[in-house]
Amino acid sequence: MKVETTSVGTITVAHLIGSIDTVDTEGASESLSELVNAKPTGLVLDFARVDYIASMGLSLLLKVAQDMRKNKCAMIIAAATPAVKTILDTVHLGSAIPMVASVDAALERLGAKAPSAA
């Protein structure tokens, strides 16, 4: 899995690309830990290009959400693909981590404005 980031003010948007499975969880954990340690006011996980998530990936998300709460920062999952959203909904992840339909919706919920298209 690859992680690309952008910032909107003090909010970090992490664009996750690929699968979050057993093989990729360690690398994803390191990347997301770095983002949490930077203590943004909010973290948006853009799932638009995540094609699969395994149980270890779900555990990772819960750990990251817990770390963000310790830092008194918000975290939102945005734009999950239908296949991944089905998995997230099946395990009721939305009860622990807010999920919205788009990055723009997540930024709005966090009180930021999406960057204007050039």
PDB file of N, CA and C in Angstrom:
ATOM      1  N   MET A   1       0.825  -1.174   0.000  1.00  0.00           N
ATOM      2  CA  MET A   1       0.000   0.000   0.000  1.00  0.00           C
ATOM      3  C   MET A   1       0.874   1.244   0.000  1.00  0.00           C
ATOM      4  N   LYS A   2       0.410   2.240  -0.705  1.00  0.00           N
ATOM      5  CA  LYS A   2       1.128   3.499  -0.802  1.00  0.00           C
ATOM      6  C   LYS A   2       0.283   4.588  -0.133  1.00  0.00           C
ATOM      7  N   VAL A   3       0.949   5.547   0.509  1.00  0.00           N
ATOM      8  CA  VAL A   3       0.259   6.662   1.157  1.00  0.00           C
ATOM      9  C   VAL A   3       0.833   7.969   0.608  1.00  0.00           C
ATOM     10  N   GLU A   4      -0.035   8.788   0.028  1.00  0.00           N
ATOM     11  CA  GLU A   4       0.339  10.122  -0.416  1.00  0.00           C
ATOM     12  C   GLU A   4      -0.446  11.101   0.439  1.00  0.00           C
ATOM     13  N   THR A   5       0.179  12.203   0.827  1.00  0.00           N
ATOM     14  CA  THR A   5      -0.517  13.144   1.698  1.00  0.00           C
ATOM     15  C   THR A   5      -0.597  14.531   1.089  1.00  0.00           C
ATOM     16  N   THR A   6      -1.662  15.220   1.475  1.00  0.00           N
ATOM     17  CA  THR A   6      -1.826  16.629   1.177  1.00  0.00           C
ATOM     18  C   THR A   6      -2.318  17.283   2.468  1.00  0.00           C
ATOM     19  N   SER A   7      -2.170  18.571   2.553  1.00  0.00           N
ATOM     20  CA  SER A   7      -2.646  19.298   3.728  1.00  0.00           C
ATOM     21  C   SER A   7      -3.630  20.362   3.305  1.00  0.00           C
ATOM     22  N   VAL A   8      -4.639  20.530   4.142  1.00  0.00           N
ATOM     23  CA  VAL A   8      -5.603  21.613   3.991  1.00  0.00           C
ATOM     24  C   VAL A   8      -5.599  22.321   5.330  1.00  0.00           C
ATOM     25  N   GLY A   9      -4.846  23.405   5.409  1.00  0.00           N
ATOM     26  CA  GLY A   9      -4.638  24.059   6.695  1.00  0.00           C
ATOM     27  C   GLY A   9      -3.900  23.103   7.620  1.00  0.00           C
ATOM     28  N   THR A  10      -4.473  22.845   8.779  1.00  0.00           N
ATOM     29  CA  THR A  10      -3.842  21.946   9.752  1.00  0.00           C
ATOM     30  C   THR A  10      -4.416  20.532   9.680  1.00  0.00           C
ATOM     31  N   ILE A  11      -5.188  20.264   8.637  1.00  0.00           N
ATOM     32  CA  ILE A  11      -5.765  18.929   8.439  1.00  0.00           C
ATOM     33  C   ILE A  11      -4.940  18.189   7.400  1.00  0.00           C
ATOM     34  N   THR A  12      -4.620  16.943   7.703  1.00  0.00           N
ATOM     35  CA  THR A  12      -3.872  16.105   6.769  1.00  0.00           C
ATOM     36  C   THR A  12      -4.837  15.159   6.064  1.00  0.00           C
ATOM     37  N   VAL A  13      -4.702  15.075   4.754  1.00  0.00           N
ATOM     38  CA  VAL A  13      -5.466  14.113   3.967  1.00  0.00           C
ATOM     39  C   VAL A  13      -4.473  13.054   3.495  1.00  0.00           C
ATOM     40  N   ALA A  14      -4.708  11.820   3.920  1.00  0.00           N
ATOM     41  CA  ALA A  14      -3.858  10.692   3.519  1.00  0.00           C
ATOM     42  C   ALA A  14      -4.596   9.913   2.441  1.00  0.00           C
ATOM     43  N   HIS A  15      -4.042   9.935   1.236  1.00  0.00           N
ATOM     44  CA  HIS A  15      -4.624   9.212   0.108  1.00  0.00           C
ATOM     45  C   HIS A  15      -3.992   7.816   0.105  1.00  0.00           C
ATOM     46  N   LEU A  16      -4.778   6.820   0.484  1.00  0.00           N
ATOM     47  CA  LEU A  16      -4.280   5.446   0.555  1.00  0.00           C
ATOM     48  C   LEU A  16      -4.506   4.776  -0.785  1.00  0.00           C
ATOM     49  N   ILE A  17      -3.484   4.060  -1.263  1.00  0.00           N
ATOM     50  CA  ILE A  17      -3.550   3.453  -2.587  1.00  0.00           C
ATOM     51  C   ILE A  17      -3.152   1.985  -2.491  1.00  0.00           C
ATOM     52  N   GLY A  18      -4.052   1.101  -2.936  1.00  0.00           N
ATOM     53  CA  GLY A  18      -3.757  -0.332  -2.945  1.00  0.00           C
ATOM     54  C   GLY A  18      -4.569  -1.093  -1.914  1.00  0.00           C
ATOM     55  N   SER A  19      -3.990  -2.190  -1.442  1.00  0.00           N
ATOM     56  CA  SER A  19      -4.649  -3.050  -0.462  1.00  0.00           C
ATOM     57  C   SER A  19      -4.038  -2.858   0.914  1.00  0.00           C
ATOM     58  N   ILE A  20      -4.882  -2.952   1.930  1.00  0.00           N
ATOM     59  CA  ILE A  20      -4.394  -2.928   3.308  1.00  0.00           C
ATOM     60  C   ILE A  20      -4.577  -4.351   3.820  1.00  0.00           C
ATOM     61  N   ASP A  21      -3.603  -5.181   3.491  1.00  0.00           N
ATOM     62  CA  ASP A  21      -3.690  -6.589   3.859  1.00  0.00           C
ATOM     63  C   ASP A  21      -2.533  -6.960   4.772  1.00  0.00           C
ATOM     64  N   THR A  22      -2.405  -8.220   5.072  1.00  0.00           N
ATOM     65  CA  THR A  22      -1.390  -8.695   5.997  1.00  0.00           C
ATOM     66  C   THR A  22       0.012  -8.270   5.569  1.00  0.00           C
ATOM     67  N   VAL A  23       0.289  -8.334   4.287  1.00  0.00           N
ATOM     68  CA  VAL A  23       1.615  -7.997   3.777  1.00  0.00           C
ATOM     69  C   VAL A  23       1.917  -6.518   3.935  1.00  0.00           C
ATOM     70  N   ASP A  24       0.920  -5.665   3.696  1.00  0.00           N
ATOM     71  CA  ASP A  24       1.140  -4.218   3.672  1.00  0.00           C
ATOM     72  C   ASP A  24       0.843  -3.497   4.981  1.00  0.00           C
ATOM     73  N   THR A  25       0.367  -4.205   5.983  1.00  0.00           N
ATOM     74  CA  THR A  25      -0.036  -3.536   7.215  1.00  0.00           C
ATOM     75  C   THR A  25       1.128  -2.862   7.927  1.00  0.00           C
ATOM     76  N   GLU A  26       2.301  -3.490   7.939  1.00  0.00           N
ATOM     77  CA  GLU A  26       3.445  -2.895   8.642  1.00  0.00           C
ATOM     78  C   GLU A  26       3.851  -1.565   8.023  1.00  0.00           C
ATOM     79  N   GLY A  27       3.956  -1.514   6.719  1.00  0.00           N
ATOM     80  CA  GLY A  27       4.307  -0.267   6.042  1.00  0.00           C
ATOM     81  C   GLY A  27       3.244   0.793   6.239  1.00  0.00           C
ATOM     82  N   ALA A  28       1.987   0.381   6.171  1.00  0.00           N
ATOM     83  CA  ALA A  28       0.884   1.314   6.396  1.00  0.00           C
ATOM     84  C   ALA A  28       0.921   1.829   7.823  1.00  0.00           C
ATOM     85  N   SER A  29       1.228   0.967   8.763  1.00  0.00           N
ATOM     86  CA  SER A  29       1.302   1.353  10.170  1.00  0.00           C
ATOM     87  C   SER A  29       2.363   2.429  10.377  1.00  0.00           C
ATOM     88  N   GLU A  30       3.527   2.245   9.775  1.00  0.00           N
ATOM     89  CA  GLU A  30       4.606   3.228   9.899  1.00  0.00           C
ATOM     90  C   GLU A  30       4.191   4.575   9.300  1.00  0.00           C
ATOM     91  N   SER A  31       3.597   4.533   8.109  1.00  0.00           N
ATOM     92  CA  SER A  31       3.182   5.770   7.441  1.00  0.00           C
ATOM     93  C   SER A  31       2.132   6.509   8.248  1.00  0.00           C
ATOM     94  N   LEU A  32       1.133   5.777   8.743  1.00  0.00           N
ATOM     95  CA  LEU A  32       0.059   6.419   9.494  1.00  0.00           C
ATOM     96  C   LEU A  32       0.545   6.894  10.859  1.00  0.00           C
ATOM     97  N   SER A  33       1.465   6.169  11.472  1.00  0.00           N
ATOM     98  CA  SER A  33       2.026   6.603  12.760  1.00  0.00           C
ATOM     99  C   SER A  33       2.742   7.940  12.617  1.00  0.00           C
ATOM    100  N   GLU A  34       3.476   8.100  11.514  1.00  0.00           N
ATOM    101  CA  GLU A  34       4.154   9.381  11.260  1.00  0.00           C
ATOM    102  C   GLU A  34       3.136  10.516  11.161  1.00  0.00           C
ATOM    103  N   LEU A  35       2.013  10.246  10.504  1.00  0.00           N
ATOM    104  CA  LEU A  35       0.980  11.272  10.362  1.00  0.00           C
ATOM    105  C   LEU A  35       0.367  11.622  11.714  1.00  0.00           C
ATOM    106  N   VAL A  36       0.090  10.605  12.524  1.00  0.00           N
ATOM    107  CA  VAL A  36      -0.479  10.831  13.859  1.00  0.00           C
ATOM    108  C   VAL A  36       0.500  11.617  14.719  1.00  0.00           C
ATOM    109  N   ASN A  37       1.779  11.259  14.660  1.00  0.00           N
ATOM    110  CA  ASN A  37       2.799  11.920  15.473  1.00  0.00           C
ATOM    111  C   ASN A  37       2.983  13.387  15.104  1.00  0.00           C
ATOM    112  N   ALA A  38       2.610  13.757  13.882  1.00  0.00           N
ATOM    113  CA  ALA A  38       2.681  15.160  13.462  1.00  0.00           C
ATOM    114  C   ALA A  38       1.569  15.992  14.118  1.00  0.00           C
ATOM    115  N   LYS A  39       0.621  15.333  14.734  1.00  0.00           N
ATOM    116  CA  LYS A  39      -0.496  15.952  15.465  1.00  0.00           C
ATOM    117  C   LYS A  39      -1.273  16.980  14.648  1.00  0.00           C
ATOM    118  N   PRO A  40      -1.827  16.523  13.510  1.00  0.00           N
ATOM    119  CA  PRO A  40      -2.702  17.438  12.771  1.00  0.00           C
ATOM    120  C   PRO A  40      -3.984  17.646  13.573  1.00  0.00           C
ATOM    121  N   THR A  41      -4.732  18.691  13.267  1.00  0.00           N
ATOM    122  CA  THR A  41      -6.005  18.879  13.970  1.00  0.00           C
ATOM    123  C   THR A  41      -7.037  17.868  13.495  1.00  0.00           C
ATOM    124  N   GLY A  42      -6.825  17.358  12.295  1.00  0.00           N
ATOM    125  CA  GLY A  42      -7.715  16.341  11.749  1.00  0.00           C
ATOM    126  C   GLY A  42      -6.970  15.488  10.744  1.00  0.00           C
ATOM    127  N   LEU A  43      -7.435  14.253  10.596  1.00  0.00           N
ATOM    128  CA  LEU A  43      -6.846  13.330   9.634  1.00  0.00           C
ATOM    129  C   LEU A  43      -7.972  12.718   8.818  1.00  0.00           C
ATOM    130  N   VAL A  44      -7.887  12.897   7.509  1.00  0.00           N
ATOM    131  CA  VAL A  44      -8.846  12.300   6.591  1.00  0.00           C
ATOM    132  C   VAL A  44      -8.126  11.168   5.873  1.00  0.00           C
ATOM    133  N   LEU A  45      -8.681   9.966   5.974  1.00  0.00           N
ATOM    134  CA  LEU A  45      -8.134   8.824   5.246  1.00  0.00           C
ATOM    135  C   LEU A  45      -8.970   8.653   3.984  1.00  0.00           C
ATOM    136  N   ASP A  46      -8.385   8.982   2.847  1.00  0.00           N
ATOM    137  CA  ASP A  46      -9.056   8.889   1.554  1.00  0.00           C
ATOM    138  C   ASP A  46      -8.927   7.457   1.050  1.00  0.00           C
ATOM    139  N   PHE A  47     -10.047   6.736   1.054  1.00  0.00           N
ATOM    140  CA  PHE A  47     -10.079   5.326   0.659  1.00  0.00           C
ATOM    141  C   PHE A  47     -10.505   5.137  -0.800  1.00  0.00           C
ATOM    142  N   ALA A  48     -10.546   6.195  -1.598  1.00  0.00           N
ATOM    143  CA  ALA A  48     -11.036   6.097  -2.974  1.00  0.00           C
ATOM    144  C   ALA A  48     -10.254   5.088  -3.813  1.00  0.00           C
ATOM    145  N   ARG A  49      -8.966   4.881  -3.468  1.00  0.00           N
ATOM    146  CA  ARG A  49      -8.145   3.950  -4.260  1.00  0.00           C
ATOM    147  C   ARG A  49      -7.690   2.736  -3.434  1.00  0.00           C
ATOM    148  N   VAL A  50      -8.440   2.431  -2.363  1.00  0.00           N
ATOM    149  CA  VAL A  50      -8.175   1.209  -1.594  1.00  0.00           C
ATOM    150  C   VAL A  50      -9.080   0.135  -2.156  1.00  0.00           C
ATOM    151  N   ASP A  51      -8.477  -0.963  -2.619  1.00  0.00           N
ATOM    152  CA  ASP A  51      -9.284  -2.014  -3.234  1.00  0.00           C
ATOM    153  C   ASP A  51      -9.612  -3.175  -2.304  1.00  0.00           C
ATOM    154  N   TYR A  52      -8.944  -3.261  -1.149  1.00  0.00           N
ATOM    155  CA  TYR A  52      -9.206  -4.362  -0.218  1.00  0.00           C
ATOM    156  C   TYR A  52      -8.645  -3.997   1.147  1.00  0.00           C
ATOM    157  N   ILE A  53      -9.324  -4.467   2.197  1.00  0.00           N
ATOM    158  CA  ILE A  53      -8.801  -4.307   3.551  1.00  0.00           C
ATOM    159  C   ILE A  53      -9.030  -5.617   4.301  1.00  0.00           C
ATOM    160  N   ALA A  54      -7.969  -6.113   4.922  1.00  0.00           N
ATOM    161  CA  ALA A  54      -8.027  -7.343   5.699  1.00  0.00           C
ATOM    162  C   ALA A  54      -8.234  -7.012   7.178  1.00  0.00           C
ATOM    163  N   SER A  55      -8.414  -8.027   7.995  1.00  0.00           N
ATOM    164  CA  SER A  55      -8.667  -7.827   9.421  1.00  0.00           C
ATOM    165  C   SER A  55      -7.527  -7.075  10.102  1.00  0.00           C
ATOM    166  N   MET A  56      -6.296  -7.332   9.694  1.00  0.00           N
ATOM    167  CA  MET A  56      -5.176  -6.593  10.289  1.00  0.00           C
ATOM    168  C   MET A  56      -5.251  -5.110   9.936  1.00  0.00           C
ATOM    169  N   GLY A  57      -5.741  -4.804   8.764  1.00  0.00           N
ATOM    170  CA  GLY A  57      -5.930  -3.413   8.366  1.00  0.00           C
ATOM    171  C   GLY A  57      -7.002  -2.735   9.201  1.00  0.00           C
ATOM    172  N   LEU A  58      -8.067  -3.492   9.514  1.00  0.00           N
ATOM    173  CA  LEU A  58      -9.123  -2.944  10.368  1.00  0.00           C
ATOM    174  C   LEU A  58      -8.577  -2.644  11.762  1.00  0.00           C
ATOM    175  N   SER A  59      -7.766  -3.551  12.279  1.00  0.00           N
ATOM    176  CA  SER A  59      -7.133  -3.326  13.593  1.00  0.00           C
ATOM    177  C   SER A  59      -6.245  -2.092  13.562  1.00  0.00           C
ATOM    178  N   LEU A  60      -5.512  -1.932  12.467  1.00  0.00           N
ATOM    179  CA  LEU A  60      -4.651  -0.762  12.305  1.00  0.00           C
ATOM    180  C   LEU A  60      -5.481   0.529  12.350  1.00  0.00           C
ATOM    181  N   LEU A  61      -6.601   0.548  11.647  1.00  0.00           N
ATOM    182  CA  LEU A  61      -7.451   1.740  11.644  1.00  0.00           C
ATOM    183  C   LEU A  61      -7.942   2.076  13.048  1.00  0.00           C
ATOM    184  N   LEU A  62      -8.322   1.056  13.802  1.00  0.00           N
ATOM    185  CA  LEU A  62      -8.791   1.285  15.170  1.00  0.00           C
ATOM    186  C   LEU A  62      -7.676   1.840  16.048  1.00  0.00           C
ATOM    187  N   LYS A  63      -6.445   1.343  15.847  1.00  0.00           N
ATOM    188  CA  LYS A  63      -5.307   1.838  16.620  1.00  0.00           C
ATOM    189  C   LYS A  63      -5.016   3.296  16.270  1.00  0.00           C
ATOM    190  N   VAL A  64      -5.036   3.614  14.986  1.00  0.00           N
ATOM    191  CA  VAL A  64      -4.781   4.990  14.549  1.00  0.00           C
ATOM    192  C   VAL A  64      -5.866   5.917  15.111  1.00  0.00           C
ATOM    193  N   ALA A  65      -7.119   5.479  15.066  1.00  0.00           N
ATOM    194  CA  ALA A  65      -8.209   6.294  15.609  1.00  0.00           C
ATOM    195  C   ALA A  65      -8.017   6.528  17.105  1.00  0.00           C
ATOM    196  N   GLN A  66      -7.593   5.496  17.819  1.00  0.00           N
ATOM    197  CA  GLN A  66      -7.336   5.618  19.258  1.00  0.00           C
ATOM    198  C   GLN A  66      -6.205   6.621  19.513  1.00  0.00           C
ATOM    199  N   ASP A  67      -5.138   6.523  18.730  1.00  0.00           N
ATOM    200  CA  ASP A  67      -4.009   7.448  18.879  1.00  0.00           C
ATOM    201  C   ASP A  67      -4.441   8.884  18.574  1.00  0.00           C
ATOM    202  N   MET A  68      -5.280   9.061  17.567  1.00  0.00           N
ATOM    203  CA  MET A  68      -5.767  10.398  17.229  1.00  0.00           C
ATOM    204  C   MET A  68      -6.612  10.954  18.375  1.00  0.00           C
ATOM    205  N   ARG A  69      -7.465  10.112  18.966  1.00  0.00           N
ATOM    206  CA  ARG A  69      -8.281  10.574  20.103  1.00  0.00           C
ATOM    207  C   ARG A  69      -7.405  10.983  21.281  1.00  0.00           C
ATOM    208  N   LYS A  70      -6.311  10.235  21.525  1.00  0.00           N
ATOM    209  CA  LYS A  70      -5.376  10.602  22.598  1.00  0.00           C
ATOM    210  C   LYS A  70      -4.785  11.986  22.347  1.00  0.00           C
ATOM    211  N   ASN A  71      -4.565  12.310  21.077  1.00  0.00           N
ATOM    212  CA  ASN A  71      -4.024  13.617  20.691  1.00  0.00           C
ATOM    213  C   ASN A  71      -5.122  14.684  20.589  1.00  0.00           C
ATOM    214  N   LYS A  72      -6.359  14.284  20.914  1.00  0.00           N
ATOM    215  CA  LYS A  72      -7.519  15.171  20.817  1.00  0.00           C
ATOM    216  C   LYS A  72      -7.714  15.692  19.390  1.00  0.00           C
ATOM    217  N   CYS A  73      -7.515  14.781  18.441  1.00  0.00           N
ATOM    218  CA  CYS A  73      -7.664  15.101  17.025  1.00  0.00           C
ATOM    219  C   CYS A  73      -8.719  14.182  16.413  1.00  0.00           C
ATOM    220  N   ALA A  74      -9.382  14.677  15.395  1.00  0.00           N
ATOM    221  CA  ALA A  74     -10.430  13.917  14.724  1.00  0.00           C
ATOM    222  C   ALA A  74      -9.869  13.128  13.540  1.00  0.00           C
ATOM    223  N   MET A  75     -10.527  11.997  13.248  1.00  0.00           N
ATOM    224  CA  MET A  75     -10.153  11.191  12.090  1.00  0.00           C
ATOM    225  C   MET A  75     -11.432  10.749  11.397  1.00  0.00           C
ATOM    226  N   ILE A  76     -11.417  10.818  10.069  1.00  0.00           N
ATOM    227  CA  ILE A  76     -12.571  10.425   9.264  1.00  0.00           C
ATOM    228  C   ILE A  76     -12.088   9.589   8.085  1.00  0.00           C
ATOM    229  N   ILE A  77     -12.835   8.546   7.781  1.00  0.00           N
ATOM    230  CA  ILE A  77     -12.595   7.757   6.569  1.00  0.00           C
ATOM    231  C   ILE A  77     -13.506   8.323   5.487  1.00  0.00           C
ATOM    232  N   ALA A  78     -12.929   8.594   4.313  1.00  0.00           N
ATOM    233  CA  ALA A  78     -13.698   9.190   3.221  1.00  0.00           C
ATOM    234  C   ALA A  78     -13.599   8.358   1.950  1.00  0.00           C
ATOM    235  N   ALA A  79     -14.674   8.368   1.187  1.00  0.00           N
ATOM    236  CA  ALA A  79     -14.703   7.865  -0.188  1.00  0.00           C
ATOM    237  C   ALA A  79     -14.356   6.384  -0.330  1.00  0.00           C
ATOM    238  N   ALA A  80     -14.784   5.557   0.609  1.00  0.00           N
ATOM    239  CA  ALA A  80     -14.504   4.124   0.501  1.00  0.00           C
ATOM    240  C   ALA A  80     -15.187   3.548  -0.733  1.00  0.00           C
ATOM    241  N   THR A  81     -14.469   2.711  -1.446  1.00  0.00           N
ATOM    242  CA  THR A  81     -15.037   2.036  -2.609  1.00  0.00           C
ATOM    243  C   THR A  81     -16.159   1.111  -2.136  1.00  0.00           C
ATOM    244  N   PRO A  82     -17.087   0.761  -3.001  1.00  0.00           N
ATOM    245  CA  PRO A  82     -18.196  -0.098  -2.566  1.00  0.00           C
ATOM    246  C   PRO A  82     -17.746  -1.411  -1.907  1.00  0.00           C
ATOM    247  N   ALA A  83     -16.735  -2.063  -2.469  1.00  0.00           N
ATOM    248  CA  ALA A  83     -16.279  -3.330  -1.898  1.00  0.00           C
ATOM    249  C   ALA A  83     -15.696  -3.139  -0.508  1.00  0.00           C
ATOM    250  N   VAL A  84     -14.895  -2.104  -0.338  1.00  0.00           N
ATOM    251  CA  VAL A  84     -14.287  -1.826   0.964  1.00  0.00           C
ATOM    252  C   VAL A  84     -15.341  -1.319   1.946  1.00  0.00           C
ATOM    253  N   LYS A  85     -16.261  -0.498   1.478  1.00  0.00           N
ATOM    254  CA  LYS A  85     -17.319   0.006   2.356  1.00  0.00           C
ATOM    255  C   LYS A  85     -18.149  -1.150   2.904  1.00  0.00           C
ATOM    256  N   THR A  86     -18.388  -2.158   2.095  1.00  0.00           N
ATOM    257  CA  THR A  86     -19.131  -3.330   2.556  1.00  0.00           C
ATOM    258  C   THR A  86     -18.411  -3.986   3.727  1.00  0.00           C
ATOM    259  N   ILE A  87     -17.100  -4.110   3.625  1.00  0.00           N
ATOM    260  CA  ILE A  87     -16.313  -4.703   4.718  1.00  0.00           C
ATOM    261  C   ILE A  87     -16.391  -3.822   5.956  1.00  0.00           C
ATOM    262  N   LEU A  88     -16.189  -2.520   5.781  1.00  0.00           N
ATOM    263  CA  LEU A  88     -16.229  -1.588   6.912  1.00  0.00           C
ATOM    264  C   LEU A  88     -17.599  -1.601   7.588  1.00  0.00           C
ATOM    265  N   ASP A  89     -18.659  -1.651   6.781  1.00  0.00           N
ATOM    266  CA  ASP A  89     -20.016  -1.689   7.329  1.00  0.00           C
ATOM    267  C   ASP A  89     -20.294  -3.020   8.039  1.00  0.00           C
ATOM    268  N   THR A  90     -19.778  -4.110   7.507  1.00  0.00           N
ATOM    269  CA  THR A  90     -20.012  -5.431   8.094  1.00  0.00           C
ATOM    270  C   THR A  90     -19.473  -5.510   9.519  1.00  0.00           C
ATOM    271  N   VAL A  91     -18.335  -4.884   9.751  1.00  0.00           N
ATOM    272  CA  VAL A  91     -17.733  -4.918  11.097  1.00  0.00           C
ATOM    273  C   VAL A  91     -18.125  -3.685  11.919  1.00  0.00           C
ATOM    274  N   HIS A  92     -19.058  -2.882  11.389  1.00  0.00           N
ATOM    275  CA  HIS A  92     -19.568  -1.703  12.098  1.00  0.00           C
ATOM    276  C   HIS A  92     -18.454  -0.722  12.480  1.00  0.00           C
ATOM    277  N   LEU A  93     -17.481  -0.559  11.596  1.00  0.00           N
ATOM    278  CA  LEU A  93     -16.378   0.349  11.871  1.00  0.00           C
ATOM    279  C   LEU A  93     -16.858   1.792  12.026  1.00  0.00           C
ATOM    280  N   GLY A  94     -17.961   2.117  11.371  1.00  0.00           N
ATOM    281  CA  GLY A  94     -18.509   3.462  11.458  1.00  0.00           C
ATOM    282  C   GLY A  94     -18.917   3.863  12.868  1.00  0.00           C
ATOM    283  N   SER A  95     -19.109   2.881  13.749  1.00  0.00           N
ATOM    284  CA  SER A  95     -19.439   3.222  15.138  1.00  0.00           C
ATOM    285  C   SER A  95     -18.208   3.716  15.897  1.00  0.00           C
ATOM    286  N   ALA A  96     -17.015   3.411  15.381  1.00  0.00           N
ATOM    287  CA  ALA A  96     -15.770   3.839  16.023  1.00  0.00           C
ATOM    288  C   ALA A  96     -15.076   4.966  15.263  1.00  0.00           C
ATOM    289  N   ILE A  97     -15.237   4.977  13.948  1.00  0.00           N
ATOM    290  CA  ILE A  97     -14.581   5.973  13.099  1.00  0.00           C
ATOM    291  C   ILE A  97     -15.620   6.523  12.131  1.00  0.00           C
ATOM    292  N   PRO A  98     -15.845   7.830  12.132  1.00  0.00           N
ATOM    293  CA  PRO A  98     -16.820   8.400  11.191  1.00  0.00           C
ATOM    294  C   PRO A  98     -16.412   8.115   9.745  1.00  0.00           C
ATOM    295  N   MET A  99     -17.425   7.836   8.914  1.00  0.00           N
ATOM    296  CA  MET A  99     -17.191   7.593   7.497  1.00  0.00           C
ATOM    297  C   MET A  99     -18.123   8.488   6.689  1.00  0.00           C
ATOM    298  N   VAL A 100     -17.561   9.115   5.657  1.00  0.00           N
ATOM    299  CA  VAL A 100     -18.341   9.987   4.781  1.00  0.00           C
ATOM    300  C   VAL A 100     -18.058   9.622   3.331  1.00  0.00           C
ATOM    301  N   ALA A 101     -18.886  10.158   2.436  1.00  0.00           N
ATOM    302  CA  ALA A 101     -18.824   9.773   1.029  1.00  0.00           C
ATOM    303  C   ALA A 101     -17.674  10.372   0.236  1.00  0.00           C
ATOM    304  N   SER A 102     -17.108  11.483   0.705  1.00  0.00           N
ATOM    305  CA  SER A 102     -16.057  12.130  -0.083  1.00  0.00           C
ATOM    306  C   SER A 102     -15.061  12.854   0.821  1.00  0.00           C
ATOM    307  N   VAL A 103     -13.907  13.145   0.250  1.00  0.00           N
ATOM    308  CA  VAL A 103     -12.900  13.931   0.973  1.00  0.00           C
ATOM    309  C   VAL A 103     -13.445  15.320   1.269  1.00  0.00           C
ATOM    310  N   ASP A 104     -14.149  15.915   0.304  1.00  0.00           N
ATOM    311  CA  ASP A 104     -14.724  17.241   0.530  1.00  0.00           C
ATOM    312  C   ASP A 104     -15.690  17.230   1.714  1.00  0.00           C
ATOM    313  N   ALA A 105     -16.508  16.176   1.818  1.00  0.00           N
ATOM    314  CA  ALA A 105     -17.447  16.060   2.940  1.00  0.00           C
ATOM    315  C   ALA A 105     -16.692  15.922   4.260  1.00  0.00           C
ATOM    316  N   ALA A 106     -15.587  15.185   4.235  1.00  0.00           N
ATOM    317  CA  ALA A 106     -14.779  15.022   5.456  1.00  0.00           C
ATOM    318  C   ALA A 106     -14.163  16.356   5.870  1.00  0.00           C
ATOM    319  N   LEU A 107     -13.630  17.080   4.900  1.00  0.00           N
ATOM    320  CA  LEU A 107     -13.030  18.380   5.203  1.00  0.00           C
ATOM    321  C   LEU A 107     -14.075  19.347   5.741  1.00  0.00           C
ATOM    322  N   GLU A 108     -15.254  19.336   5.147  1.00  0.00           N
ATOM    323  CA  GLU A 108     -16.334  20.201   5.632  1.00  0.00           C
ATOM    324  C   GLU A 108     -16.699  19.835   7.073  1.00  0.00           C
ATOM    325  N   ARG A 109     -16.788  18.543   7.339  1.00  0.00           N
ATOM    326  CA  ARG A 109     -17.121  18.088   8.699  1.00  0.00           C
ATOM    327  C   ARG A 109     -16.065  18.520   9.711  1.00  0.00           C
ATOM    328  N   LEU A 110     -14.814  18.592   9.253  1.00  0.00           N
ATOM    329  CA  LEU A 110     -13.723  19.007  10.125  1.00  0.00           C
ATOM    330  C   LEU A 110     -13.540  20.535  10.158  1.00  0.00           C
ATOM    331  N   GLY A 111     -14.381  21.234   9.421  1.00  0.00           N
ATOM    332  CA  GLY A 111     -14.355  22.692   9.442  1.00  0.00           C
ATOM    333  C   GLY A 111     -13.356  23.309   8.487  1.00  0.00           C
ATOM    334  N   ALA A 112     -12.898  22.542   7.512  1.00  0.00           N
ATOM    335  CA  ALA A 112     -11.945  23.082   6.529  1.00  0.00           C
ATOM    336  C   ALA A 112     -12.632  23.212   5.190  1.00  0.00           C
ATOM    337  N   LYS A 113     -12.062  24.028   4.346  1.00  0.00           N
ATOM    338  CA  LYS A 113     -12.562  24.159   2.985  1.00  0.00           C
ATOM    339  C   LYS A 113     -11.618  23.416   2.058  1.00  0.00           C
ATOM    340  N   ALA A 114     -12.203  22.695   1.122  1.00  0.00           N
ATOM    341  CA  ALA A 114     -11.402  21.972   0.144  1.00  0.00           C
ATOM    342  C   ALA A 114     -10.646  22.961  -0.718  1.00  0.00           C
ATOM    343  N   PRO A 115      -9.417  22.594  -1.119  1.00  0.00           N
ATOM    344  CA  PRO A 115      -8.675  23.502  -1.995  1.00  0.00           C
ATOM    345  C   PRO A 115      -9.390  23.679  -3.317  1.00  0.00           C
ATOM    346  N   SER A 116      -9.354  24.875  -3.857  1.00  0.00           N
ATOM    347  CA  SER A 116     -10.014  25.161  -5.127  1.00  0.00           C
ATOM    348  C   SER A 116      -9.264  24.488  -6.258  1.00  0.00           C
ATOM    349  N   ALA A 117     -10.019  23.993  -7.232  1.00  0.00           N
ATOM    350  CA  ALA A 117      -9.407  23.392  -8.417  1.00  0.00           C
ATOM    351  C   ALA A 117      -8.799  24.512  -9.256  1.00  0.00           C
ATOM    352  N   ALA A 118      -7.600  24.279  -9.730  1.00  0.00           N
ATOM    353  CA  ALA A 118      -6.911  25.315 -10.514  1.00  0.00           C
ATOM    354  C   ALA A 118      -7.271  25.207 -11.974  1.00  0.00           C
TER     355      ALA A 118
END
